[in-house]
Amino acid sequence: MKNSMICRNLACAAMLSLVLSGPAAAANGAMVVERPAATQRQTKWKKAWAWSAAALMASVAADTASSMGRTEMNPLLRGSAGQFNARSAALKFSIAGALLGSQYLLVKKHPEQAAWAATGNFAAAGLTSGIAVRNFRLPK
């Protein structure tokens, strides 16, 4: 807590010195522009969101592989014979793609929301991976 407060105060002091010395430094061609801490955090969370999207799609792929040809409990994904089939896989990937597409648009317009989206994706990937592991352990 104390260190973060010191860092925040130092960042404010650095920004203030840049603002006050801006015209003089620009005239000398020596002005250095650094990203504010908030922008750096947003960039970090955007990268985390991209990794979480990859983790979510990998877990959906693992769950699809573990479910193929087995009896499906979800009526939305159940095929005509009550099993998980190609139609079920296409629907599952379409839902995941729509979710990630809408998140992409959200994060692009509101970068501060990337942390929530990344956290949700990692949680969903963990849940889906757990289901895949369970499915692989079941006898066919």
N, C-alpha and C. Protein backbone atom coordinates (compact mmCIF):
# COMPACT_ATOMS: atom_id res chain seq x y z
N MET A 1 0.83 -1.19 0.00
CA MET A 1 0.00 0.00 0.00
C MET A 1 0.88 1.25 0.00
N LYS A 2 1.88 1.27 0.90
CA LYS A 2 2.75 2.43 1.01
C LYS A 2 3.57 2.61 -0.27
N ASN A 3 4.08 1.49 -0.82
CA ASN A 3 4.87 1.57 -2.04
C ASN A 3 4.03 2.05 -3.22
N SER A 4 2.79 1.57 -3.31
CA SER A 4 1.95 1.99 -4.43
C SER A 4 1.61 3.47 -4.31
N MET A 5 1.47 3.97 -3.08
CA MET A 5 1.19 5.39 -2.88
C MET A 5 2.41 6.22 -3.29
N ILE A 6 3.59 5.73 -2.96
CA ILE A 6 4.81 6.44 -3.34
C ILE A 6 4.95 6.45 -4.85
N CYS A 7 4.70 5.29 -5.49
CA CYS A 7 4.78 5.22 -6.95
C CYS A 7 3.77 6.15 -7.60
N ARG A 8 2.57 6.19 -7.06
CA ARG A 8 1.53 7.06 -7.61
C ARG A 8 1.95 8.52 -7.48
N ASN A 9 2.52 8.89 -6.33
CA ASN A 9 2.97 10.27 -6.13
C ASN A 9 4.12 10.60 -7.07
N LEU A 10 5.04 9.65 -7.27
CA LEU A 10 6.15 9.88 -8.19
C LEU A 10 5.65 10.02 -9.62
N ALA A 11 4.66 9.22 -9.98
CA ALA A 11 4.11 9.31 -11.33
C ALA A 11 3.44 10.67 -11.54
N CYS A 12 2.72 11.13 -10.53
CA CYS A 12 2.08 12.46 -10.63
C CYS A 12 3.12 13.56 -10.75
N ALA A 13 4.19 13.44 -9.97
CA ALA A 13 5.24 14.44 -10.04
C ALA A 13 5.93 14.42 -11.40
N ALA A 14 6.14 13.24 -11.95
CA ALA A 14 6.77 13.14 -13.27
C ALA A 14 5.87 13.74 -14.34
N MET A 15 4.57 13.46 -14.27
CA MET A 15 3.64 14.03 -15.25
C MET A 15 3.58 15.55 -15.13
N LEU A 16 3.57 16.05 -13.90
CA LEU A 16 3.53 17.49 -13.69
C LEU A 16 4.79 18.14 -14.25
N SER A 17 5.94 17.51 -14.04
CA SER A 17 7.18 18.10 -14.57
C SER A 17 7.19 18.06 -16.10
N LEU A 18 6.62 17.01 -16.70
CA LEU A 18 6.53 16.95 -18.15
C LEU A 18 5.61 18.04 -18.69
N VAL A 19 4.50 18.25 -18.02
CA VAL A 19 3.55 19.27 -18.47
C VAL A 19 4.16 20.65 -18.36
N LEU A 20 4.83 20.92 -17.22
CA LEU A 20 5.40 22.23 -17.01
C LEU A 20 6.62 22.50 -17.89
N SER A 21 7.39 21.46 -18.18
CA SER A 21 8.59 21.67 -18.99
C SER A 21 8.35 21.36 -20.47
N GLY A 22 7.16 21.00 -20.82
CA GLY A 22 6.83 20.61 -22.19
C GLY A 22 7.24 21.60 -23.25
N PRO A 23 6.79 22.86 -23.18
CA PRO A 23 7.14 23.80 -24.24
C PRO A 23 8.64 24.05 -24.35
N ALA A 24 9.33 24.13 -23.22
CA ALA A 24 10.77 24.38 -23.26
C ALA A 24 11.51 23.17 -23.81
N ALA A 25 11.10 21.97 -23.39
CA ALA A 25 11.78 20.76 -23.86
C ALA A 25 11.47 20.52 -25.33
N ALA A 26 10.26 20.83 -25.75
CA ALA A 26 9.89 20.64 -27.16
C ALA A 26 10.71 21.56 -28.05
N ALA A 27 11.00 22.76 -27.57
CA ALA A 27 11.79 23.69 -28.34
C ALA A 27 13.22 23.17 -28.53
N ASN A 28 13.72 22.43 -27.53
CA ASN A 28 15.06 21.84 -27.63
C ASN A 28 15.04 20.50 -28.36
N GLY A 29 13.87 19.94 -28.64
CA GLY A 29 13.76 18.64 -29.29
C GLY A 29 14.05 17.49 -28.35
N ALA A 30 13.99 17.74 -27.03
CA ALA A 30 14.36 16.72 -26.06
C ALA A 30 13.16 16.21 -25.27
N MET A 31 11.97 16.45 -25.72
CA MET A 31 10.79 16.04 -24.96
C MET A 31 10.59 14.53 -25.07
N VAL A 32 10.46 13.89 -23.94
CA VAL A 32 10.22 12.45 -23.87
C VAL A 32 8.81 12.26 -23.33
N VAL A 33 8.00 11.52 -24.06
CA VAL A 33 6.62 11.28 -23.63
C VAL A 33 6.51 9.86 -23.15
N GLU A 34 6.04 9.69 -21.93
CA GLU A 34 5.83 8.36 -21.36
C GLU A 34 4.35 8.11 -21.21
N ARG A 35 3.97 6.84 -21.26
CA ARG A 35 2.56 6.50 -21.07
C ARG A 35 2.19 6.69 -19.62
N PRO A 36 0.99 7.20 -19.37
CA PRO A 36 0.52 7.27 -17.99
C PRO A 36 0.31 5.86 -17.45
N ALA A 37 0.33 5.74 -16.13
CA ALA A 37 0.19 4.43 -15.48
C ALA A 37 -1.14 3.77 -15.85
N ALA A 38 -2.20 4.55 -15.99
CA ALA A 38 -3.50 3.98 -16.31
C ALA A 38 -3.48 3.33 -17.69
N THR A 39 -2.82 3.96 -18.65
CA THR A 39 -2.72 3.39 -19.99
C THR A 39 -1.89 2.11 -19.98
N GLN A 40 -0.83 2.08 -19.17
CA GLN A 40 -0.02 0.88 -19.07
C GLN A 40 -0.83 -0.27 -18.48
N ARG A 41 -1.66 0.01 -17.49
CA ARG A 41 -2.52 -1.02 -16.90
C ARG A 41 -3.51 -1.54 -17.92
N GLN A 42 -4.08 -0.62 -18.71
CA GLN A 42 -5.04 -1.05 -19.73
C GLN A 42 -4.37 -1.92 -20.78
N THR A 43 -3.15 -1.58 -21.17
CA THR A 43 -2.42 -2.39 -22.14
C THR A 43 -2.14 -3.77 -21.56
N LYS A 44 -1.77 -3.83 -20.29
CA LYS A 44 -1.52 -5.10 -19.61
C LYS A 44 -2.78 -5.96 -19.62
N TRP A 45 -3.92 -5.35 -19.31
CA TRP A 45 -5.17 -6.12 -19.25
C TRP A 45 -5.65 -6.50 -20.64
N LYS A 46 -5.34 -5.70 -21.66
CA LYS A 46 -5.70 -6.10 -23.03
C LYS A 46 -4.93 -7.35 -23.43
N LYS A 47 -3.65 -7.42 -23.05
CA LYS A 47 -2.86 -8.61 -23.33
C LYS A 47 -3.41 -9.81 -22.55
N ALA A 48 -3.78 -9.58 -21.30
CA ALA A 48 -4.36 -10.65 -20.49
C ALA A 48 -5.68 -11.12 -21.11
N TRP A 49 -6.46 -10.19 -21.65
CA TRP A 49 -7.72 -10.58 -22.29
C TRP A 49 -7.44 -11.46 -23.50
N ALA A 50 -6.44 -11.11 -24.29
CA ALA A 50 -6.11 -11.92 -25.47
C ALA A 50 -5.70 -13.33 -25.05
N TRP A 51 -4.89 -13.45 -24.00
CA TRP A 51 -4.50 -14.77 -23.50
C TRP A 51 -5.72 -15.52 -22.96
N SER A 52 -6.62 -14.81 -22.30
CA SER A 52 -7.80 -15.47 -21.75
C SER A 52 -8.72 -15.96 -22.86
N ALA A 53 -8.79 -15.22 -23.97
CA ALA A 53 -9.59 -15.66 -25.11
C ALA A 53 -9.00 -16.93 -25.70
N ALA A 54 -7.68 -17.01 -25.80
CA ALA A 54 -7.03 -18.21 -26.30
C ALA A 54 -7.27 -19.39 -25.36
N ALA A 55 -7.19 -19.14 -24.06
CA ALA A 55 -7.43 -20.20 -23.08
C ALA A 55 -8.88 -20.70 -23.16
N LEU A 56 -9.81 -19.77 -23.33
CA LEU A 56 -11.21 -20.17 -23.43
C LEU A 56 -11.45 -21.02 -24.67
N MET A 57 -10.91 -20.62 -25.81
CA MET A 57 -11.11 -21.40 -27.03
C MET A 57 -10.43 -22.77 -26.93
N ALA A 58 -9.28 -22.84 -26.30
CA ALA A 58 -8.60 -24.12 -26.11
C ALA A 58 -9.43 -25.04 -25.21
N SER A 59 -10.02 -24.48 -24.17
CA SER A 59 -10.84 -25.30 -23.28
C SER A 59 -12.12 -25.75 -23.96
N VAL A 60 -12.69 -24.91 -24.82
CA VAL A 60 -13.88 -25.31 -25.58
C VAL A 60 -13.52 -26.43 -26.54
N ALA A 61 -12.34 -26.34 -27.15
CA ALA A 61 -11.89 -27.40 -28.06
C ALA A 61 -11.68 -28.71 -27.30
N ALA A 62 -11.08 -28.64 -26.12
CA ALA A 62 -10.88 -29.85 -25.32
C ALA A 62 -12.22 -30.44 -24.88
N ASP A 63 -13.16 -29.58 -24.48
CA ASP A 63 -14.48 -30.06 -24.08
C ASP A 63 -15.21 -30.70 -25.26
N THR A 64 -15.07 -30.10 -26.44
CA THR A 64 -15.69 -30.66 -27.64
C THR A 64 -15.11 -32.03 -27.96
N ALA A 65 -13.80 -32.15 -27.88
CA ALA A 65 -13.15 -33.44 -28.15
C ALA A 65 -13.58 -34.49 -27.14
N SER A 66 -13.74 -34.08 -25.89
CA SER A 66 -14.11 -35.04 -24.86
C SER A 66 -15.59 -35.43 -24.92
N SER A 67 -16.41 -34.62 -25.57
CA SER A 67 -17.85 -34.88 -25.63
C SER A 67 -18.29 -35.59 -26.90
N MET A 68 -17.47 -35.56 -27.93
CA MET A 68 -17.88 -36.09 -29.23
C MET A 68 -18.31 -37.55 -29.15
N GLY A 69 -19.52 -37.82 -29.62
CA GLY A 69 -20.05 -39.18 -29.66
C GLY A 69 -20.63 -39.68 -28.35
N ARG A 70 -20.60 -38.88 -27.32
CA ARG A 70 -21.14 -39.28 -26.01
C ARG A 70 -22.54 -38.72 -25.83
N THR A 71 -23.24 -39.24 -24.86
CA THR A 71 -24.56 -38.72 -24.52
C THR A 71 -24.39 -37.30 -23.97
N GLU A 72 -25.19 -36.38 -24.49
CA GLU A 72 -25.08 -34.96 -24.09
C GLU A 72 -26.18 -34.64 -23.09
N MET A 73 -25.79 -34.02 -21.99
CA MET A 73 -26.76 -33.65 -20.94
C MET A 73 -27.45 -32.32 -21.24
N ASN A 74 -26.80 -31.45 -21.99
CA ASN A 74 -27.35 -30.13 -22.29
C ASN A 74 -28.34 -30.26 -23.46
N PRO A 75 -29.62 -29.96 -23.22
CA PRO A 75 -30.61 -30.12 -24.30
C PRO A 75 -30.35 -29.20 -25.49
N LEU A 76 -29.72 -28.07 -25.27
CA LEU A 76 -29.41 -27.15 -26.35
C LEU A 76 -28.38 -27.75 -27.31
N LEU A 77 -27.45 -28.52 -26.78
CA LEU A 77 -26.38 -29.11 -27.59
C LEU A 77 -26.66 -30.54 -28.01
N ARG A 78 -27.71 -31.13 -27.51
CA ARG A 78 -28.02 -32.53 -27.80
C ARG A 78 -28.45 -32.70 -29.25
N GLY A 79 -27.87 -33.70 -29.92
CA GLY A 79 -28.25 -34.02 -31.30
C GLY A 79 -29.53 -34.83 -31.34
N SER A 80 -29.90 -35.28 -32.53
CA SER A 80 -31.16 -36.02 -32.70
C SER A 80 -31.14 -37.36 -31.95
N ALA A 81 -30.00 -38.00 -31.83
CA ALA A 81 -29.90 -39.28 -31.12
C ALA A 81 -29.55 -39.08 -29.65
N GLY A 82 -29.55 -37.82 -29.19
CA GLY A 82 -29.22 -37.54 -27.80
C GLY A 82 -27.73 -37.48 -27.53
N GLN A 83 -26.94 -37.49 -28.59
CA GLN A 83 -25.50 -37.45 -28.43
C GLN A 83 -24.93 -36.13 -28.94
N PHE A 84 -23.69 -35.87 -28.51
CA PHE A 84 -22.96 -34.69 -28.97
C PHE A 84 -22.41 -35.00 -30.35
N ASN A 85 -22.74 -34.17 -31.34
CA ASN A 85 -22.31 -34.44 -32.71
C ASN A 85 -21.70 -33.19 -33.34
N ALA A 86 -21.50 -33.19 -34.65
CA ALA A 86 -20.87 -32.06 -35.34
C ALA A 86 -21.71 -30.79 -35.22
N ARG A 87 -23.03 -30.93 -35.29
CA ARG A 87 -23.91 -29.76 -35.12
C ARG A 87 -23.73 -29.16 -33.73
N SER A 88 -23.61 -30.03 -32.74
CA SER A 88 -23.40 -29.57 -31.36
C SER A 88 -22.07 -28.82 -31.24
N ALA A 89 -21.03 -29.36 -31.88
CA ALA A 89 -19.72 -28.71 -31.83
C ALA A 89 -19.76 -27.35 -32.51
N ALA A 90 -20.44 -27.28 -33.67
CA ALA A 90 -20.55 -25.99 -34.38
C ALA A 90 -21.29 -24.97 -33.52
N LEU A 91 -22.34 -25.40 -32.85
CA LEU A 91 -23.10 -24.50 -31.98
C LEU A 91 -22.26 -24.04 -30.80
N LYS A 92 -21.49 -24.96 -30.22
CA LYS A 92 -20.65 -24.62 -29.07
C LYS A 92 -19.58 -23.60 -29.46
N PHE A 93 -18.92 -23.82 -30.61
CA PHE A 93 -17.90 -22.87 -31.07
C PHE A 93 -18.52 -21.54 -31.50
N SER A 94 -19.73 -21.57 -32.03
CA SER A 94 -20.41 -20.33 -32.42
C SER A 94 -20.73 -19.48 -31.20
N ILE A 95 -21.18 -20.12 -30.14
CA ILE A 95 -21.49 -19.39 -28.90
C ILE A 95 -20.22 -18.77 -28.33
N ALA A 96 -19.14 -19.55 -28.27
CA ALA A 96 -17.87 -19.03 -27.75
C ALA A 96 -17.34 -17.90 -28.63
N GLY A 97 -17.46 -18.05 -29.95
CA GLY A 97 -17.01 -17.01 -30.87
C GLY A 97 -17.82 -15.73 -30.74
N ALA A 98 -19.13 -15.87 -30.57
CA ALA A 98 -19.98 -14.69 -30.38
C ALA A 98 -19.63 -13.97 -29.08
N LEU A 99 -19.38 -14.75 -28.04
CA LEU A 99 -18.99 -14.16 -26.75
C LEU A 99 -17.69 -13.38 -26.89
N LEU A 100 -16.69 -14.01 -27.51
CA LEU A 100 -15.40 -13.34 -27.65
C LEU A 100 -15.47 -12.16 -28.62
N GLY A 101 -16.29 -12.27 -29.66
CA GLY A 101 -16.46 -11.14 -30.59
C GLY A 101 -17.08 -9.94 -29.91
N SER A 102 -18.08 -10.18 -29.08
CA SER A 102 -18.70 -9.06 -28.37
C SER A 102 -17.75 -8.48 -27.33
N GLN A 103 -16.95 -9.34 -26.70
CA GLN A 103 -15.95 -8.83 -25.76
C GLN A 103 -14.90 -8.00 -26.47
N TYR A 104 -14.49 -8.44 -27.65
CA TYR A 104 -13.51 -7.68 -28.43
C TYR A 104 -14.01 -6.26 -28.69
N LEU A 105 -15.27 -6.16 -29.12
CA LEU A 105 -15.84 -4.84 -29.38
C LEU A 105 -15.94 -4.01 -28.10
N LEU A 106 -16.30 -4.67 -26.99
CA LEU A 106 -16.38 -3.97 -25.71
C LEU A 106 -15.02 -3.45 -25.28
N VAL A 107 -14.01 -4.33 -25.36
CA VAL A 107 -12.66 -3.94 -24.91
C VAL A 107 -12.06 -2.87 -25.82
N LYS A 108 -12.41 -2.93 -27.10
CA LYS A 108 -11.91 -1.92 -28.03
C LYS A 108 -12.48 -0.54 -27.70
N LYS A 109 -13.78 -0.51 -27.35
CA LYS A 109 -14.43 0.78 -27.05
C LYS A 109 -14.17 1.23 -25.62
N HIS A 110 -14.11 0.27 -24.70
CA HIS A 110 -13.91 0.59 -23.27
C HIS A 110 -12.76 -0.27 -22.73
N PRO A 111 -11.51 0.15 -22.95
CA PRO A 111 -10.36 -0.67 -22.54
C PRO A 111 -10.30 -0.95 -21.04
N GLU A 112 -10.94 -0.11 -20.26
CA GLU A 112 -10.92 -0.34 -18.81
C GLU A 112 -11.72 -1.58 -18.41
N GLN A 113 -12.54 -2.11 -19.31
CA GLN A 113 -13.34 -3.31 -19.02
C GLN A 113 -12.59 -4.60 -19.34
N ALA A 114 -11.38 -4.51 -19.84
CA ALA A 114 -10.61 -5.70 -20.22
C ALA A 114 -10.33 -6.59 -19.01
N ALA A 115 -10.16 -6.01 -17.84
CA ALA A 115 -9.88 -6.81 -16.64
C ALA A 115 -11.05 -7.73 -16.32
N TRP A 116 -12.27 -7.20 -16.40
CA TRP A 116 -13.46 -8.02 -16.12
C TRP A 116 -13.62 -9.11 -17.15
N ALA A 117 -13.42 -8.77 -18.41
CA ALA A 117 -13.56 -9.75 -19.48
C ALA A 117 -12.52 -10.85 -19.36
N ALA A 118 -11.28 -10.48 -19.07
CA ALA A 118 -10.21 -11.48 -18.92
C ALA A 118 -10.48 -12.40 -17.74
N THR A 119 -10.91 -11.83 -16.64
CA THR A 119 -11.20 -12.64 -15.45
C THR A 119 -12.33 -13.63 -15.73
N GLY A 120 -13.37 -13.15 -16.39
CA GLY A 120 -14.49 -14.03 -16.73
C GLY A 120 -14.08 -15.13 -17.69
N ASN A 121 -13.24 -14.80 -18.67
CA ASN A 121 -12.78 -15.80 -19.63
C ASN A 121 -11.92 -16.86 -18.96
N PHE A 122 -11.01 -16.44 -18.07
CA PHE A 122 -10.18 -17.41 -17.37
C PHE A 122 -11.03 -18.32 -16.48
N ALA A 123 -12.04 -17.75 -15.84
CA ALA A 123 -12.93 -18.56 -15.00
C ALA A 123 -13.71 -19.56 -15.86
N ALA A 124 -14.24 -19.10 -16.98
CA ALA A 124 -14.99 -19.99 -17.87
C ALA A 124 -14.08 -21.07 -18.46
N ALA A 125 -12.84 -20.71 -18.78
CA ALA A 125 -11.88 -21.69 -19.31
C ALA A 125 -11.56 -22.74 -18.26
N GLY A 126 -11.43 -22.33 -17.02
CA GLY A 126 -11.17 -23.28 -15.94
C GLY A 126 -12.34 -24.24 -15.75
N LEU A 127 -13.55 -23.71 -15.77
CA LEU A 127 -14.74 -24.54 -15.62
C LEU A 127 -14.87 -25.52 -16.79
N THR A 128 -14.71 -25.02 -18.01
CA THR A 128 -14.84 -25.86 -19.19
C THR A 128 -13.73 -26.91 -19.24
N SER A 129 -12.52 -26.55 -18.82
CA SER A 129 -11.43 -27.52 -18.77
C SER A 129 -11.72 -28.62 -17.75
N GLY A 130 -12.29 -28.24 -16.63
CA GLY A 130 -12.68 -29.23 -15.61
C GLY A 130 -13.71 -30.21 -16.15
N ILE A 131 -14.66 -29.70 -16.91
CA ILE A 131 -15.68 -30.57 -17.51
C ILE A 131 -15.02 -31.50 -18.53
N ALA A 132 -14.07 -30.98 -19.30
CA ALA A 132 -13.38 -31.81 -20.29
C ALA A 132 -12.60 -32.93 -19.61
N VAL A 133 -11.91 -32.61 -18.52
CA VAL A 133 -11.16 -33.64 -17.79
C VAL A 133 -12.11 -34.70 -17.27
N ARG A 134 -13.25 -34.29 -16.73
CA ARG A 134 -14.25 -35.24 -16.24
C ARG A 134 -14.74 -36.13 -17.38
N ASN A 135 -15.03 -35.53 -18.54
CA ASN A 135 -15.51 -36.31 -19.68
C ASN A 135 -14.49 -37.32 -20.16
N PHE A 136 -13.21 -36.93 -20.17
CA PHE A 136 -12.18 -37.87 -20.62
C PHE A 136 -12.03 -39.05 -19.66
N ARG A 137 -12.35 -38.86 -18.40
CA ARG A 137 -12.23 -39.93 -17.41
C ARG A 137 -13.40 -40.91 -17.46
N LEU A 138 -14.52 -40.50 -18.03
CA LEU A 138 -15.68 -41.38 -18.11
C LEU A 138 -15.47 -42.47 -19.15
N PRO A 139 -15.98 -43.66 -18.87
CA PRO A 139 -15.87 -44.71 -19.91
C PRO A 139 -16.81 -44.39 -21.07
N LYS A 140 -16.40 -44.77 -22.26
CA LYS A 140 -17.22 -44.51 -23.45
C LYS A 140 -18.32 -45.44 -23.55
